[in-house]
Amino acid sequence: MKVYGAYRIEQLFKKAAGLQLPKNKVQEIEEKVDAKLYDLLVAAEENAGYNARDVIWFSDLPLTKALKESLKAFAALEEELSLQPILDNLAVRPPLKYEMEVELEKRLPEIVGTLIFVLAKIVKEFSPGDKVVSEDELKRAFRVLDLMV
Protein backbone atom coordinates (compact mmCIF):
# COMPACT_ATOMS: atom_id res chain seq x y z
CA MET A 1 0.00 0.00 0.00
CA LYS A 2 1.38 3.36 -0.99
CA VAL A 3 1.05 6.24 1.42
CA TYR A 4 -0.51 9.49 0.24
CA GLY A 5 2.10 11.20 2.34
CA ALA A 6 2.25 10.92 6.10
CA TYR A 7 3.20 14.58 6.33
CA ARG A 8 0.20 15.57 4.17
CA ILE A 9 -2.23 13.60 6.33
CA GLU A 10 -0.73 15.04 9.52
CA GLN A 11 -0.96 18.56 8.07
CA LEU A 12 -4.55 18.02 7.01
CA PHE A 13 -5.55 16.93 10.53
CA LYS A 14 -3.81 20.01 11.89
CA LYS A 15 -5.37 22.44 9.40
CA ALA A 16 -8.85 20.88 9.48
CA ALA A 17 -9.24 20.43 13.21
CA GLY A 18 -6.13 21.67 15.03
CA LEU A 19 -5.19 18.09 15.88
CA GLN A 20 -1.82 16.46 16.22
CA LEU A 21 -1.86 13.00 14.68
CA PRO A 22 0.51 10.34 16.05
CA LYS A 23 2.65 8.98 13.19
CA ASN A 24 1.62 5.40 13.98
CA LYS A 25 -2.01 6.28 13.09
CA VAL A 26 -1.35 7.47 9.54
CA GLN A 27 -1.49 4.03 7.93
CA GLU A 28 -4.72 3.20 9.77
CA ILE A 29 -6.29 6.38 8.47
CA GLU A 30 -5.10 5.69 4.95
CA GLU A 31 -6.55 2.16 5.04
CA LYS A 32 -9.93 3.42 6.27
CA VAL A 33 -10.04 6.22 3.71
CA ASP A 34 -9.08 3.78 0.93
CA ALA A 35 -11.97 1.52 1.97
CA LYS A 36 -14.44 4.42 2.06
CA LEU A 37 -13.30 5.68 -1.36
CA TYR A 38 -13.85 2.21 -2.78
CA ASP A 39 -17.30 2.07 -1.13
CA LEU A 40 -18.21 5.38 -2.78
CA LEU A 41 -17.01 4.11 -6.16
CA VAL A 42 -19.00 0.87 -5.85
CA ALA A 43 -22.14 2.87 -5.08
CA ALA A 44 -21.34 5.21 -7.97
CA GLU A 45 -20.94 2.22 -10.25
CA GLU A 46 -24.46 1.09 -9.32
CA ASN A 47 -25.77 4.57 -10.09
CA ALA A 48 -24.05 4.57 -13.48
CA GLY A 49 -25.66 1.21 -14.25
CA TYR A 50 -29.10 2.52 -13.21
CA ASN A 51 -28.57 5.35 -15.69
CA ALA A 52 -27.66 2.88 -18.48
CA ARG A 53 -24.03 4.00 -18.65
CA ASP A 54 -20.87 1.95 -18.59
CA VAL A 55 -18.77 4.86 -17.32
CA ILE A 56 -18.81 6.20 -13.76
CA TRP A 57 -19.27 9.96 -13.58
CA PHE A 58 -18.48 12.21 -10.64
CA SER A 59 -22.21 12.90 -10.37
CA ASP A 60 -22.78 9.17 -9.72
CA LEU A 61 -21.03 9.41 -6.36
CA PRO A 62 -23.54 9.32 -3.49
CA LEU A 63 -22.43 12.61 -1.95
CA THR A 64 -24.66 14.11 0.71
CA LYS A 65 -25.01 17.86 1.13
CA ALA A 66 -22.58 17.69 4.06
CA LEU A 67 -19.97 15.84 1.98
CA LYS A 68 -20.36 18.38 -0.83
CA GLU A 69 -19.80 21.18 1.68
CA SER A 70 -16.77 19.32 3.02
CA LEU A 71 -15.39 19.08 -0.54
CA LYS A 72 -15.50 22.89 -0.67
CA ALA A 73 -13.99 23.25 2.80
CA PHE A 74 -11.17 20.87 1.90
CA ALA A 75 -10.49 22.82 -1.31
CA ALA A 76 -10.23 26.01 0.76
CA LEU A 77 -7.37 24.47 2.75
CA GLU A 78 -5.31 24.33 -0.46
CA GLU A 79 -3.86 20.94 0.43
CA GLU A 80 -3.10 18.52 -2.36
CA LEU A 81 -2.66 14.77 -2.51
CA SER A 82 -1.06 12.89 -5.38
CA LEU A 83 -3.24 10.86 -7.71
CA GLN A 84 -0.88 7.94 -8.36
CA PRO A 85 -0.82 6.49 -4.81
CA ILE A 86 -4.63 6.60 -4.80
CA LEU A 87 -4.79 4.73 -8.10
CA ASP A 88 -2.20 2.23 -6.81
CA ASN A 89 -4.29 1.60 -3.70
CA LEU A 90 -7.44 1.11 -5.79
CA ALA A 91 -5.57 -1.35 -8.02
CA VAL A 92 -5.28 -3.88 -5.17
CA ARG A 93 -9.07 -3.92 -4.66
CA PRO A 94 -11.52 -5.93 -6.79
CA PRO A 95 -11.85 -4.16 -10.12
CA LEU A 96 -14.90 -2.05 -10.77
CA LYS A 97 -17.23 -3.22 -13.53
CA TYR A 98 -17.14 0.20 -15.21
CA GLU A 99 -14.34 2.63 -15.96
CA MET A 100 -14.21 6.04 -14.30
CA GLU A 101 -14.56 9.14 -16.43
CA VAL A 102 -11.37 11.21 -16.68
CA GLU A 103 -12.89 14.04 -14.63
CA LEU A 104 -13.75 11.67 -11.78
CA GLU A 105 -10.27 10.14 -11.82
CA LYS A 106 -8.72 13.62 -11.64
CA ARG A 107 -10.89 14.43 -8.63
CA LEU A 108 -9.94 11.33 -6.62
CA PRO A 109 -7.30 13.25 -4.60
CA GLU A 110 -9.95 15.83 -3.71
CA ILE A 111 -12.35 13.08 -2.61
CA VAL A 112 -9.67 11.33 -0.54
CA GLY A 113 -8.62 14.64 1.00
CA THR A 114 -12.22 15.37 1.87
CA LEU A 115 -12.62 12.00 3.57
CA ILE A 116 -9.51 12.72 5.66
CA PHE A 117 -10.84 16.22 6.39
CA VAL A 118 -14.19 14.77 7.54
CA LEU A 119 -12.42 12.19 9.69
CA ALA A 120 -10.43 14.95 11.41
CA LYS A 121 -13.61 16.95 12.05
CA ILE A 122 -15.34 13.88 13.52
CA VAL A 123 -12.41 13.19 15.86
CA LYS A 124 -12.47 16.82 17.00
CA GLU A 125 -16.16 16.52 17.90
CA PHE A 126 -15.40 13.75 20.39
CA SER A 127 -12.91 15.77 22.40
CA PRO A 128 -12.95 19.44 21.44
CA GLY A 129 -10.31 20.34 24.05
CA ASP A 130 -7.79 17.68 23.03
CA LYS A 131 -4.87 18.44 20.75
CA VAL A 132 -3.62 14.89 20.18
CA VAL A 133 -5.73 12.18 18.55
CA SER A 134 -6.23 9.18 20.82
CA GLU A 135 -6.74 5.57 19.75
CA ASP A 136 -10.27 5.54 21.17
CA GLU A 137 -11.28 8.78 19.43
CA LEU A 138 -9.95 7.51 16.11
CA LYS A 139 -11.82 4.19 16.41
CA ARG A 140 -15.07 6.03 17.20
CA ALA A 141 -14.50 8.35 14.24
CA PHE A 142 -13.98 5.31 11.99
CA ARG A 143 -17.33 3.90 13.17
CA VAL A 144 -19.09 7.19 12.42
CA LEU A 145 -17.48 7.33 8.98
CA ASP A 146 -18.67 3.76 8.34
CA LEU A 147 -22.21 4.83 9.17
CA MET A 148 -22.21 7.77 6.79
CA VAL A 149 -20.20 6.51 3.81
C-alpha atoms as a PDB file:
ATOM      1  CA  MET A   1       0.000   0.000   0.000  1.00  0.00           C
ATOM      2  CA  LYS A   2       1.380   3.363  -0.988  1.00  0.00           C
ATOM      3  CA  VAL A   3       1.053   6.240   1.421  1.00  0.00           C
ATOM      4  CA  TYR A   4      -0.513   9.492   0.240  1.00  0.00           C
ATOM      5  CA  GLY A   5       2.096  11.203   2.339  1.00  0.00           C
ATOM      6  CA  ALA A   6       2.251  10.924   6.101  1.00  0.00           C
ATOM      7  CA  TYR A   7       3.196  14.579   6.325  1.00  0.00           C
ATOM      8  CA  ARG A   8       0.202  15.573   4.166  1.00  0.00           C
ATOM      9  CA  ILE A   9      -2.226  13.599   6.327  1.00  0.00           C
ATOM     10  CA  GLU A  10      -0.731  15.037   9.517  1.00  0.00           C
ATOM     11  CA  GLN A  11      -0.960  18.565   8.069  1.00  0.00           C
ATOM     12  CA  LEU A  12      -4.549  18.021   7.013  1.00  0.00           C
ATOM     13  CA  PHE A  13      -5.547  16.928  10.529  1.00  0.00           C
ATOM     14  CA  LYS A  14      -3.806  20.009  11.893  1.00  0.00           C
ATOM     15  CA  LYS A  15      -5.374  22.439   9.399  1.00  0.00           C
ATOM     16  CA  ALA A  16      -8.846  20.884   9.477  1.00  0.00           C
ATOM     17  CA  ALA A  17      -9.238  20.433  13.212  1.00  0.00           C
ATOM     18  CA  GLY A  18      -6.130  21.674  15.026  1.00  0.00           C
ATOM     19  CA  LEU A  19      -5.194  18.087  15.884  1.00  0.00           C
ATOM     20  CA  GLN A  20      -1.824  16.456  16.216  1.00  0.00           C
ATOM     21  CA  LEU A  21      -1.860  13.001  14.683  1.00  0.00           C
ATOM     22  CA  PRO A  22       0.512  10.342  16.048  1.00  0.00           C
ATOM     23  CA  LYS A  23       2.651   8.977  13.194  1.00  0.00           C
ATOM     24  CA  ASN A  24       1.618   5.403  13.976  1.00  0.00           C
ATOM     25  CA  LYS A  25      -2.010   6.280  13.092  1.00  0.00           C
ATOM     26  CA  VAL A  26      -1.347   7.474   9.537  1.00  0.00           C
ATOM     27  CA  GLN A  27      -1.486   4.025   7.930  1.00  0.00           C
ATOM     28  CA  GLU A  28      -4.720   3.195   9.772  1.00  0.00           C
ATOM     29  CA  ILE A  29      -6.293   6.379   8.469  1.00  0.00           C
ATOM     30  CA  GLU A  30      -5.105   5.686   4.949  1.00  0.00           C
ATOM     31  CA  GLU A  31      -6.547   2.156   5.037  1.00  0.00           C
ATOM     32  CA  LYS A  32      -9.933   3.422   6.273  1.00  0.00           C
ATOM     33  CA  VAL A  33     -10.036   6.220   3.706  1.00  0.00           C
ATOM     34  CA  ASP A  34      -9.083   3.779   0.926  1.00  0.00           C
ATOM     35  CA  ALA A  35     -11.969   1.516   1.970  1.00  0.00           C
ATOM     36  CA  LYS A  36     -14.442   4.425   2.059  1.00  0.00           C
ATOM     37  CA  LEU A  37     -13.299   5.684  -1.355  1.00  0.00           C
ATOM     38  CA  TYR A  38     -13.846   2.208  -2.777  1.00  0.00           C
ATOM     39  CA  ASP A  39     -17.296   2.068  -1.133  1.00  0.00           C
ATOM     40  CA  LEU A  40     -18.207   5.379  -2.784  1.00  0.00           C
ATOM     41  CA  LEU A  41     -17.012   4.106  -6.161  1.00  0.00           C
ATOM     42  CA  VAL A  42     -18.995   0.869  -5.847  1.00  0.00           C
ATOM     43  CA  ALA A  43     -22.142   2.872  -5.075  1.00  0.00           C
ATOM     44  CA  ALA A  44     -21.339   5.215  -7.974  1.00  0.00           C
ATOM     45  CA  GLU A  45     -20.937   2.219 -10.248  1.00  0.00           C
ATOM     46  CA  GLU A  46     -24.456   1.088  -9.323  1.00  0.00           C
ATOM     47  CA  ASN A  47     -25.773   4.573 -10.089  1.00  0.00           C
ATOM     48  CA  ALA A  48     -24.048   4.566 -13.479  1.00  0.00           C
ATOM     49  CA  GLY A  49     -25.662   1.215 -14.249  1.00  0.00           C
ATOM     50  CA  TYR A  50     -29.095   2.522 -13.209  1.00  0.00           C
ATOM     51  CA  ASN A  51     -28.565   5.353 -15.693  1.00  0.00           C
ATOM     52  CA  ALA A  52     -27.658   2.884 -18.483  1.00  0.00           C
ATOM     53  CA  ARG A  53     -24.029   4.002 -18.651  1.00  0.00           C
ATOM     54  CA  ASP A  54     -20.866   1.948 -18.587  1.00  0.00           C
ATOM     55  CA  VAL A  55     -18.765   4.856 -17.319  1.00  0.00           C
ATOM     56  CA  ILE A  56     -18.815   6.198 -13.758  1.00  0.00           C
ATOM     57  CA  TRP A  57     -19.274   9.955 -13.580  1.00  0.00           C
ATOM     58  CA  PHE A  58     -18.483  12.212 -10.636  1.00  0.00           C
ATOM     59  CA  SER A  59     -22.213  12.898 -10.365  1.00  0.00           C
ATOM     60  CA  ASP A  60     -22.781   9.174  -9.723  1.00  0.00           C
ATOM     61  CA  LEU A  61     -21.028   9.413  -6.358  1.00  0.00           C
ATOM     62  CA  PRO A  62     -23.544   9.322  -3.488  1.00  0.00           C
ATOM     63  CA  LEU A  63     -22.433  12.606  -1.948  1.00  0.00           C
ATOM     64  CA  THR A  64     -24.656  14.109   0.713  1.00  0.00           C
ATOM     65  CA  LYS A  65     -25.006  17.857   1.132  1.00  0.00           C
ATOM     66  CA  ALA A  66     -22.578  17.689   4.058  1.00  0.00           C
ATOM     67  CA  LEU A  67     -19.967  15.841   1.980  1.00  0.00           C
ATOM     68  CA  LYS A  68     -20.355  18.377  -0.827  1.00  0.00           C
ATOM     69  CA  GLU A  69     -19.800  21.178   1.682  1.00  0.00           C
ATOM     70  CA  SER A  70     -16.772  19.323   3.019  1.00  0.00           C
ATOM     71  CA  LEU A  71     -15.390  19.076  -0.538  1.00  0.00           C
ATOM     72  CA  LYS A  72     -15.503  22.890  -0.668  1.00  0.00           C
ATOM     73  CA  ALA A  73     -13.990  23.248   2.801  1.00  0.00           C
ATOM     74  CA  PHE A  74     -11.170  20.866   1.897  1.00  0.00           C
ATOM     75  CA  ALA A  75     -10.492  22.818  -1.309  1.00  0.00           C
ATOM     76  CA  ALA A  76     -10.235  26.011   0.755  1.00  0.00           C
ATOM     77  CA  LEU A  77      -7.371  24.467   2.749  1.00  0.00           C
ATOM     78  CA  GLU A  78      -5.312  24.329  -0.456  1.00  0.00           C
ATOM     79  CA  GLU A  79      -3.858  20.935   0.434  1.00  0.00           C
ATOM     80  CA  GLU A  80      -3.097  18.517  -2.359  1.00  0.00           C
ATOM     81  CA  LEU A  81      -2.665  14.774  -2.510  1.00  0.00           C
ATOM     82  CA  SER A  82      -1.056  12.887  -5.380  1.00  0.00           C
ATOM     83  CA  LEU A  83      -3.236  10.855  -7.711  1.00  0.00           C
ATOM     84  CA  GLN A  84      -0.883   7.943  -8.365  1.00  0.00           C
ATOM     85  CA  PRO A  85      -0.818   6.492  -4.814  1.00  0.00           C
ATOM     86  CA  ILE A  86      -4.629   6.596  -4.795  1.00  0.00           C
ATOM     87  CA  LEU A  87      -4.791   4.728  -8.099  1.00  0.00           C
ATOM     88  CA  ASP A  88      -2.202   2.234  -6.814  1.00  0.00           C
ATOM     89  CA  ASN A  89      -4.289   1.602  -3.699  1.00  0.00           C
ATOM     90  CA  LEU A  90      -7.441   1.113  -5.789  1.00  0.00           C
ATOM     91  CA  ALA A  91      -5.572  -1.353  -8.018  1.00  0.00           C
ATOM     92  CA  VAL A  92      -5.285  -3.882  -5.171  1.00  0.00           C
ATOM     93  CA  ARG A  93      -9.068  -3.924  -4.662  1.00  0.00           C
ATOM     94  CA  PRO A  94     -11.520  -5.927  -6.786  1.00  0.00           C
ATOM     95  CA  PRO A  95     -11.848  -4.163 -10.124  1.00  0.00           C
ATOM     96  CA  LEU A  96     -14.897  -2.054 -10.768  1.00  0.00           C
ATOM     97  CA  LYS A  97     -17.227  -3.221 -13.529  1.00  0.00           C
ATOM     98  CA  TYR A  98     -17.136   0.197 -15.215  1.00  0.00           C
ATOM     99  CA  GLU A  99     -14.336   2.632 -15.956  1.00  0.00           C
ATOM    100  CA  MET A 100     -14.205   6.038 -14.301  1.00  0.00           C
ATOM    101  CA  GLU A 101     -14.561   9.141 -16.431  1.00  0.00           C
ATOM    102  CA  VAL A 102     -11.367  11.210 -16.684  1.00  0.00           C
ATOM    103  CA  GLU A 103     -12.888  14.037 -14.629  1.00  0.00           C
ATOM    104  CA  LEU A 104     -13.746  11.671 -11.776  1.00  0.00           C
ATOM    105  CA  GLU A 105     -10.275  10.142 -11.818  1.00  0.00           C
ATOM    106  CA  LYS A 106      -8.720  13.620 -11.643  1.00  0.00           C
ATOM    107  CA  ARG A 107     -10.894  14.428  -8.629  1.00  0.00           C
ATOM    108  CA  LEU A 108      -9.940  11.327  -6.619  1.00  0.00           C
ATOM    109  CA  PRO A 109      -7.301  13.247  -4.597  1.00  0.00           C
ATOM    110  CA  GLU A 110      -9.946  15.827  -3.714  1.00  0.00           C
ATOM    111  CA  ILE A 111     -12.349  13.083  -2.607  1.00  0.00           C
ATOM    112  CA  VAL A 112      -9.671  11.328  -0.542  1.00  0.00           C
ATOM    113  CA  GLY A 113      -8.615  14.637   1.004  1.00  0.00           C
ATOM    114  CA  THR A 114     -12.216  15.371   1.866  1.00  0.00           C
ATOM    115  CA  LEU A 115     -12.621  11.997   3.575  1.00  0.00           C
ATOM    116  CA  ILE A 116      -9.506  12.721   5.659  1.00  0.00           C
ATOM    117  CA  PHE A 117     -10.842  16.219   6.394  1.00  0.00           C
ATOM    118  CA  VAL A 118     -14.191  14.773   7.541  1.00  0.00           C
ATOM    119  CA  LEU A 119     -12.425  12.192   9.691  1.00  0.00           C
ATOM    120  CA  ALA A 120     -10.425  14.950  11.409  1.00  0.00           C
ATOM    121  CA  LYS A 121     -13.605  16.946  12.051  1.00  0.00           C
ATOM    122  CA  ILE A 122     -15.341  13.880  13.518  1.00  0.00           C
ATOM    123  CA  VAL A 123     -12.414  13.191  15.860  1.00  0.00           C
ATOM    124  CA  LYS A 124     -12.470  16.817  17.005  1.00  0.00           C
ATOM    125  CA  GLU A 125     -16.163  16.525  17.902  1.00  0.00           C
ATOM    126  CA  PHE A 126     -15.404  13.747  20.389  1.00  0.00           C
ATOM    127  CA  SER A 127     -12.908  15.770  22.401  1.00  0.00           C
ATOM    128  CA  PRO A 128     -12.946  19.436  21.444  1.00  0.00           C
ATOM    129  CA  GLY A 129     -10.309  20.336  24.048  1.00  0.00           C
ATOM    130  CA  ASP A 130      -7.793  17.682  23.025  1.00  0.00           C
ATOM    131  CA  LYS A 131      -4.872  18.443  20.753  1.00  0.00           C
ATOM    132  CA  VAL A 132      -3.617  14.885  20.179  1.00  0.00           C
ATOM    133  CA  VAL A 133      -5.728  12.176  18.548  1.00  0.00           C
ATOM    134  CA  SER A 134      -6.232   9.178  20.821  1.00  0.00           C
ATOM    135  CA  GLU A 135      -6.736   5.574  19.750  1.00  0.00           C
ATOM    136  CA  ASP A 136     -10.267   5.538  21.169  1.00  0.00           C
ATOM    137  CA  GLU A 137     -11.284   8.778  19.426  1.00  0.00           C
ATOM    138  CA  LEU A 138      -9.951   7.509  16.112  1.00  0.00           C
ATOM    139  CA  LYS A 139     -11.823   4.192  16.408  1.00  0.00           C
ATOM    140  CA  ARG A 140     -15.069   6.031  17.201  1.00  0.00           C
ATOM    141  CA  ALA A 141     -14.503   8.345  14.238  1.00  0.00           C
ATOM    142  CA  PHE A 142     -13.983   5.306  11.992  1.00  0.00           C
ATOM    143  CA  ARG A 143     -17.334   3.900  13.174  1.00  0.00           C
ATOM    144  CA  VAL A 144     -19.087   7.188  12.416  1.00  0.00           C
ATOM    145  CA  LEU A 145     -17.482   7.331   8.978  1.00  0.00           C
ATOM    146  CA  ASP A 146     -18.667   3.760   8.342  1.00  0.00           C
ATOM    147  CA  LEU A 147     -22.213   4.830   9.171  1.00  0.00           C
ATOM    148  CA  MET A 148     -22.215   7.773   6.788  1.00  0.00           C
ATOM    149  CA  VAL A 149     -20.196   6.511   3.811  1.00  0.00           C
END
